[in-house]
PDB file of N, CA and C in Angstrom:
ATOM      1  N   MET A   1       0.998  -1.028   0.235  1.00  0.00           N
ATOM      2  CA  MET A   1       0.093   0.253  -0.226  1.00  0.00           C
ATOM      3  C   MET A   1       0.983   1.460  -0.126  1.00  0.00           C
ATOM      4  N   TYR A   2       0.420   2.433  -0.262  1.00  0.00           N
ATOM      5  CA  TYR A   2       1.286   3.573  -0.782  1.00  0.00           C
ATOM      6  C   TYR A   2       1.145   4.616   0.223  1.00  0.00           C
ATOM      7  N   ASP A   3       1.916   4.707   0.944  1.00  0.00           N
ATOM      8  CA  ASP A   3       1.951   5.410   2.249  1.00  0.00           C
ATOM      9  C   ASP A   3       2.873   6.862   1.983  1.00  0.00           C
ATOM     10  N   PRO A   4       3.029   8.278   1.479  1.00  0.00           N
ATOM     11  CA  PRO A   4       3.377   8.797   0.997  1.00  0.00           C
ATOM     12  C   PRO A   4       4.092   9.476   2.088  1.00  0.00           C
ATOM     13  N   GLY A   5       3.586   9.373   3.728  1.00  0.00           N
ATOM     14  CA  GLY A   5       4.781   9.842   4.404  1.00  0.00           C
ATOM     15  C   GLY A   5       5.977   8.952   4.940  1.00  0.00           C
ATOM     16  N   LEU A   6       5.626   7.779   4.193  1.00  0.00           N
ATOM     17  CA  LEU A   6       7.021   6.896   4.524  1.00  0.00           C
ATOM     18  C   LEU A   6       8.507   7.387   3.430  1.00  0.00           C
ATOM     19  N   LEU A   7       7.566   7.656   1.841  1.00  0.00           N
ATOM     20  CA  LEU A   7       7.940   8.346   1.573  1.00  0.00           C
ATOM     21  C   LEU A   7       8.950   9.294   1.436  1.00  0.00           C
ATOM     22  N   VAL A   8       8.114  10.542   2.588  1.00  0.00           N
ATOM     23  CA  VAL A   8       8.605  11.670   3.001  1.00  0.00           C
ATOM     24  C   VAL A   8      10.092  11.414   4.020  1.00  0.00           C
ATOM     25  N   ARG A   9       9.592  10.837   4.748  1.00  0.00           N
ATOM     26  CA  ARG A   9      10.503  10.011   5.561  1.00  0.00           C
ATOM     27  C   ARG A   9      11.726   9.567   5.383  1.00  0.00           C
ATOM     28  N   ARG A  10      11.621   8.699   4.440  1.00  0.00           N
ATOM     29  CA  ARG A  10      12.959   8.526   4.023  1.00  0.00           C
ATOM     30  C   ARG A  10      13.724   9.300   3.022  1.00  0.00           C
ATOM     31  N   ASP A  11      13.139   9.712   2.513  1.00  0.00           N
ATOM     32  CA  ASP A  11      13.991  11.390   1.665  1.00  0.00           C
ATOM     33  C   ASP A  11      14.402  12.059   2.329  1.00  0.00           C
ATOM     34  N   SER A  12      13.824  12.467   3.792  1.00  0.00           N
ATOM     35  CA  SER A  12      14.464  13.398   4.487  1.00  0.00           C
ATOM     36  C   SER A  12      15.710  12.092   5.293  1.00  0.00           C
ATOM     37  N   PHE A  13      15.524  11.437   5.361  1.00  0.00           N
ATOM     38  CA  PHE A  13      16.493  10.359   6.004  1.00  0.00           C
ATOM     39  C   PHE A  13      17.957  10.408   4.359  1.00  0.00           C
ATOM     40  N   MET A  14      17.290  10.531   3.585  1.00  0.00           N
ATOM     41  CA  MET A  14      18.656  10.394   2.465  1.00  0.00           C
ATOM     42  C   MET A  14      19.310  11.866   2.201  1.00  0.00           C
ATOM     43  N   SER A  15      18.415  12.803   2.610  1.00  0.00           N
ATOM     44  CA  SER A  15      19.199  13.772   2.229  1.00  0.00           C
ATOM     45  C   SER A  15      20.061  14.526   3.471  1.00  0.00           C
ATOM     46  N   ARG A  16      19.858  14.045   4.315  1.00  0.00           N
ATOM     47  CA  ARG A  16      20.941  14.035   5.647  1.00  0.00           C
ATOM     48  C   ARG A  16      21.994  13.372   5.087  1.00  0.00           C
ATOM     49  N   ARG A  17      21.839  12.301   5.105  1.00  0.00           N
ATOM     50  CA  ARG A  17      22.934  11.448   4.430  1.00  0.00           C
ATOM     51  C   ARG A  17      24.039  11.799   2.917  1.00  0.00           C
ATOM     52  N   LYS A  18      23.293  13.031   2.551  1.00  0.00           N
ATOM     53  CA  LYS A  18      24.425  12.909   1.104  1.00  0.00           C
ATOM     54  C   LYS A  18      25.222  14.024   1.272  1.00  0.00           C
ATOM     55  N   GLY A  19      25.841  13.969   0.514  1.00  0.00           N
ATOM     56  CA  GLY A  19      27.161  14.669   0.671  1.00  0.00           C
ATOM     57  C   GLY A  19      28.135  14.037   2.024  1.00  0.00           C
ATOM     58  N   VAL A  20      28.166  13.124   2.345  1.00  0.00           N
ATOM     59  CA  VAL A  20      28.984  12.494   3.223  1.00  0.00           C
ATOM     60  C   VAL A  20      30.219  12.394   2.668  1.00  0.00           C
ATOM     61  N   MET A  21      30.504  11.660   1.319  1.00  0.00           N
ATOM     62  CA  MET A  21      31.494  11.593   0.273  1.00  0.00           C
ATOM     63  C   MET A  21      31.767  12.418  -0.699  1.00  0.00           C
ATOM     64  N   SER A  22      32.699  13.275  -0.814  1.00  0.00           N
ATOM     65  CA  SER A  22      32.891  14.314  -1.699  1.00  0.00           C
ATOM     66  C   SER A  22      32.353  13.783  -2.867  1.00  0.00           C
ATOM     67  N   GLU A  23      32.251  14.376  -3.964  1.00  0.00           N
ATOM     68  CA  GLU A  23      32.111  13.610  -5.611  1.00  0.00           C
ATOM     69  C   GLU A  23      33.662  13.624  -5.782  1.00  0.00           C
ATOM     70  N   SER A  24      34.338  14.481  -5.957  1.00  0.00           N
ATOM     71  CA  SER A  24      35.509  14.276  -5.936  1.00  0.00           C
ATOM     72  C   SER A  24      36.755  12.797  -5.698  1.00  0.00           C
ATOM     73  N   LEU A  25      35.861  12.905  -4.202  1.00  0.00           N
ATOM     74  CA  LEU A  25      36.529  11.084  -3.913  1.00  0.00           C
ATOM     75  C   LEU A  25      36.145   9.968  -4.322  1.00  0.00           C
ATOM     76  N   LYS A  26      34.651  10.360  -5.084  1.00  0.00           N
ATOM     77  CA  LYS A  26      33.580   9.095  -5.342  1.00  0.00           C
ATOM     78  C   LYS A  26      34.383   8.659  -6.569  1.00  0.00           C
ATOM     79  N   TYR A  27      34.799   9.719  -7.501  1.00  0.00           N
ATOM     80  CA  TYR A  27      35.694   9.466  -8.821  1.00  0.00           C
ATOM     81  C   TYR A  27      36.496   9.309  -8.862  1.00  0.00           C
ATOM     82  N   GLU A  28      37.707   9.705  -7.811  1.00  0.00           N
ATOM     83  CA  GLU A  28      38.784   8.610  -7.658  1.00  0.00           C
ATOM     84  C   GLU A  28      39.053   7.776  -7.132  1.00  0.00           C
ATOM     85  N   ILE A  29      37.977   7.372  -6.154  1.00  0.00           N
ATOM     86  CA  ILE A  29      38.081   5.432  -6.311  1.00  0.00           C
ATOM     87  C   ILE A  29      37.670   5.042  -6.866  1.00  0.00           C
ATOM     88  N   ALA A  30      36.298   5.715  -7.884  1.00  0.00           N
ATOM     89  CA  ALA A  30      36.106   5.058  -9.536  1.00  0.00           C
ATOM     90  C   ALA A  30      36.912   4.712 -10.257  1.00  0.00           C
ATOM     91  N   ARG A  31      38.857   5.728 -10.285  1.00  0.00           N
ATOM     92  CA  ARG A  31      39.260   5.444 -11.157  1.00  0.00           C
ATOM     93  C   ARG A  31      39.827   4.239 -10.380  1.00  0.00           C
ATOM     94  N   GLU A  32      40.530   4.243  -8.976  1.00  0.00           N
ATOM     95  CA  GLU A  32      41.131   3.642  -8.797  1.00  0.00           C
ATOM     96  C   GLU A  32      40.197   1.881  -8.579  1.00  0.00           C
ATOM     97  N   LEU A  33      39.200   1.625  -8.644  1.00  0.00           N
ATOM     98  CA  LEU A  33      39.069   0.405  -9.019  1.00  0.00           C
ATOM     99  C   LEU A  33      38.138   0.499 -10.272  1.00  0.00           C
ATOM    100  N   GLY A  34      38.585   1.295 -11.219  1.00  0.00           N
ATOM    101  CA  GLY A  34      38.302   0.746 -12.767  1.00  0.00           C
ATOM    102  C   GLY A  34      37.134   1.015 -13.272  1.00  0.00           C
ATOM    103  N   VAL A  35      36.191   1.438 -12.639  1.00  0.00           N
ATOM    104  CA  VAL A  35      34.770   1.752 -13.072  1.00  0.00           C
ATOM    105  C   VAL A  35      34.482   3.058 -13.474  1.00  0.00           C
ATOM    106  N   TYR A  36      35.705   3.742 -13.648  1.00  0.00           N
ATOM    107  CA  TYR A  36      34.835   5.109 -14.077  1.00  0.00           C
ATOM    108  C   TYR A  36      34.520   5.456 -15.370  1.00  0.00           C
ATOM    109  N   ASP A  37      34.759   4.500 -16.423  1.00  0.00           N
ATOM    110  CA  ASP A  37      34.046   4.780 -17.740  1.00  0.00           C
ATOM    111  C   ASP A  37      32.863   4.428 -17.534  1.00  0.00           C
ATOM    112  N   ILE A  38      32.203   3.234 -16.562  1.00  0.00           N
ATOM    113  CA  ILE A  38      30.809   2.857 -16.483  1.00  0.00           C
ATOM    114  C   ILE A  38      30.409   4.234 -15.898  1.00  0.00           C
ATOM    115  N   VAL A  39      30.761   4.791 -14.997  1.00  0.00           N
ATOM    116  CA  VAL A  39      30.359   6.140 -14.095  1.00  0.00           C
ATOM    117  C   VAL A  39      30.081   7.081 -14.904  1.00  0.00           C
ATOM    118  N   SER A  40      31.233   7.549 -15.581  1.00  0.00           N
ATOM    119  CA  SER A  40      31.176   8.552 -16.295  1.00  0.00           C
ATOM    120  C   SER A  40      30.189   8.438 -17.981  1.00  0.00           C
ATOM    121  N   LYS A  41      29.570   7.493 -18.127  1.00  0.00           N
ATOM    122  CA  LYS A  41      29.230   6.911 -19.959  1.00  0.00           C
ATOM    123  C   LYS A  41      27.876   6.749 -19.349  1.00  0.00           C
ATOM    124  N   GLU A  42      27.304   5.984 -18.384  1.00  0.00           N
ATOM    125  CA  GLU A  42      25.923   5.370 -17.838  1.00  0.00           C
ATOM    126  C   GLU A  42      25.317   5.624 -16.503  1.00  0.00           C
ATOM    127  N   GLY A  43      26.478   6.373 -15.671  1.00  0.00           N
ATOM    128  CA  GLY A  43      25.798   6.746 -14.167  1.00  0.00           C
ATOM    129  C   GLY A  43      25.974   5.560 -12.956  1.00  0.00           C
ATOM    130  N   TRP A  44      26.219   5.845 -11.840  1.00  0.00           N
ATOM    131  CA  TRP A  44      26.166   4.962 -10.858  1.00  0.00           C
ATOM    132  C   TRP A  44      25.400   3.884 -10.509  1.00  0.00           C
ATOM    133  N   GLY A  45      24.144   4.105 -10.861  1.00  0.00           N
ATOM    134  CA  GLY A  45      23.326   3.210 -11.072  1.00  0.00           C
ATOM    135  C   GLY A  45      23.838   1.841 -11.959  1.00  0.00           C
ATOM    136  N   SER A  46      24.681   2.240 -12.904  1.00  0.00           N
ATOM    137  CA  SER A  46      25.023   1.157 -13.750  1.00  0.00           C
ATOM    138  C   SER A  46      26.192   0.316 -13.032  1.00  0.00           C
ATOM    139  N   VAL A  47      26.720   0.559 -11.959  1.00  0.00           N
ATOM    140  CA  VAL A  47      27.702  -0.097 -11.199  1.00  0.00           C
ATOM    141  C   VAL A  47      27.368  -0.833 -10.616  1.00  0.00           C
ATOM    142  N   SER A  48      28.178  -2.306 -10.374  1.00  0.00           N
ATOM    143  CA  SER A  48      27.525  -3.381  -9.539  1.00  0.00           C
ATOM    144  C   SER A  48      28.226  -3.377  -8.161  1.00  0.00           C
ATOM    145  N   SER A  49      27.414  -3.920  -7.677  1.00  0.00           N
ATOM    146  CA  SER A  49      27.007  -3.422  -6.217  1.00  0.00           C
ATOM    147  C   SER A  49      28.118  -4.020  -5.605  1.00  0.00           C
ATOM    148  N   ARG A  50      28.873  -5.145  -5.918  1.00  0.00           N
ATOM    149  CA  ARG A  50      30.154  -5.481  -5.527  1.00  0.00           C
ATOM    150  C   ARG A  50      31.032  -4.326  -5.646  1.00  0.00           C
ATOM    151  N   ASP A  51      31.391  -3.378  -6.447  1.00  0.00           N
ATOM    152  CA  ASP A  51      32.074  -2.376  -6.783  1.00  0.00           C
ATOM    153  C   ASP A  51      31.636  -1.541  -6.233  1.00  0.00           C
ATOM    154  N   CYS A  52      30.670  -0.978  -5.599  1.00  0.00           N
ATOM    155  CA  CYS A  52      29.547   0.228  -5.082  1.00  0.00           C
ATOM    156  C   CYS A  52      30.704  -0.306  -3.409  1.00  0.00           C
ATOM    157  N   GLY A  53      30.450  -1.602  -3.001  1.00  0.00           N
ATOM    158  CA  GLY A  53      30.963  -2.014  -2.100  1.00  0.00           C
ATOM    159  C   GLY A  53      32.511  -1.876  -1.992  1.00  0.00           C
ATOM    160  N   ASN A  54      33.090  -2.469  -2.610  1.00  0.00           N
ATOM    161  CA  ASN A  54      34.496  -1.659  -2.352  1.00  0.00           C
ATOM    162  C   ASN A  54      34.839  -0.041  -2.537  1.00  0.00           C
ATOM    163  N   LEU A  55      34.153   0.325  -3.310  1.00  0.00           N
ATOM    164  CA  LEU A  55      34.452   2.373  -3.058  1.00  0.00           C
ATOM    165  C   LEU A  55      33.772   2.634  -1.821  1.00  0.00           C
ATOM    166  N   VAL A  56      32.875   2.030  -1.348  1.00  0.00           N
ATOM    167  CA  VAL A  56      32.788   2.384   0.112  1.00  0.00           C
ATOM    168  C   VAL A  56      33.701   1.943   1.346  1.00  0.00           C
ATOM    169  N   ARG A  57      34.022   0.542   1.183  1.00  0.00           N
ATOM    170  CA  ARG A  57      35.003   0.306   1.923  1.00  0.00           C
ATOM    171  C   ARG A  57      36.289   0.978   1.355  1.00  0.00           C
ATOM    172  N   LEU A  58      37.061   1.047   0.144  1.00  0.00           N
ATOM    173  CA  LEU A  58      37.953   2.169   0.332  1.00  0.00           C
ATOM    174  C   LEU A  58      37.973   3.506   0.610  1.00  0.00           C
ATOM    175  N   ALA A  59      36.852   4.007   0.472  1.00  0.00           N
ATOM    176  CA  ALA A  59      36.204   5.208   1.402  1.00  0.00           C
ATOM    177  C   ALA A  59      36.797   5.530   2.856  1.00  0.00           C
ATOM    178  N   ILE A  60      35.786   4.285   3.143  1.00  0.00           N
ATOM    179  CA  ILE A  60      36.255   4.190   4.916  1.00  0.00           C
ATOM    180  C   ILE A  60      37.776   3.865   5.264  1.00  0.00           C
ATOM    181  N   GLU A  61      38.643   3.150   4.441  1.00  0.00           N
ATOM    182  CA  GLU A  61      39.688   2.800   4.759  1.00  0.00           C
ATOM    183  C   GLU A  61      40.801   4.212   4.616  1.00  0.00           C
ATOM    184  N   LYS A  62      40.626   5.260   3.797  1.00  0.00           N
ATOM    185  CA  LYS A  62      40.986   6.387   3.318  1.00  0.00           C
ATOM    186  C   LYS A  62      40.982   7.467   4.530  1.00  0.00           C
ATOM    187  N   ALA A  63      39.767   7.371   5.008  1.00  0.00           N
ATOM    188  CA  ALA A  63      38.983   7.813   6.058  1.00  0.00           C
ATOM    189  C   ALA A  63      39.700   7.889   7.446  1.00  0.00           C
ATOM    190  N   SER A  64      40.057   6.406   7.730  1.00  0.00           N
ATOM    191  CA  SER A  64      40.396   5.963   9.021  1.00  0.00           C
ATOM    192  C   SER A  64      41.968   6.529   8.840  1.00  0.00           C
ATOM    193  N   ARG A  65      42.693   6.274   7.601  1.00  0.00           N
ATOM    194  CA  ARG A  65      44.465   6.733   7.290  1.00  0.00           C
ATOM    195  C   ARG A  65      43.998   8.531   7.653  1.00  0.00           C
ATOM    196  N   ASN A  66      43.121   9.039   7.182  1.00  0.00           N
ATOM    197  CA  ASN A  66      43.191  10.315   7.390  1.00  0.00           C
ATOM    198  C   ASN A  66      43.163  10.796   8.886  1.00  0.00           C
ATOM    199  N   SER A  67      42.745  10.031   9.491  1.00  0.00           N
ATOM    200  CA  SER A  67      41.992  10.538  10.775  1.00  0.00           C
ATOM    201  C   SER A  67      43.353  10.088  12.017  1.00  0.00           C
ATOM    202  N   ALA A  68      43.936   8.966  11.340  1.00  0.00           N
ATOM    203  CA  ALA A  68      44.670   8.401  12.436  1.00  0.00           C
ATOM    204  C   ALA A  68      45.973   9.384  12.293  1.00  0.00           C
ATOM    205  N   SER A  69      46.049   9.879  11.288  1.00  0.00           N
ATOM    206  CA  SER A  69      47.157  11.177  10.401  1.00  0.00           C
ATOM    207  C   SER A  69      47.166  12.114  11.148  1.00  0.00           C
ATOM    208  N   MET A  70      45.634  12.684  11.574  1.00  0.00           N
ATOM    209  CA  MET A  70      46.120  14.316  12.292  1.00  0.00           C
ATOM    210  C   MET A  70      45.724  13.807  13.444  1.00  0.00           C
ATOM    211  N   PRO A  71      46.735  15.206  14.034  1.00  0.00           N
ATOM    212  CA  PRO A  71      47.065  14.909  15.320  1.00  0.00           C
ATOM    213  C   PRO A  71      45.684  15.693  16.006  1.00  0.00           C
ATOM    214  N   GLU A  72      45.612  15.531  17.783  1.00  0.00           N
ATOM    215  CA  GLU A  72      44.287  15.715  18.384  1.00  0.00           C
ATOM    216  C   GLU A  72      44.370  16.735  18.896  1.00  0.00           C
TER     217      GLU A  72
END
């Protein structure tokens, strides 16, 4: 059954998460993974779930390395 309230709540949740990873970082990691051509031609929706998972994993690793190297 269609619930417009549910859709709004989900959209507002998604908008809070938007911008967590910069576009430049996404494309940098896409190049590292070899999926940049797919993204540039067909968009992020054409990237496999496995590659998206790898992209997130690499982004987390980079963030962890950067935070570990920052002085407290």
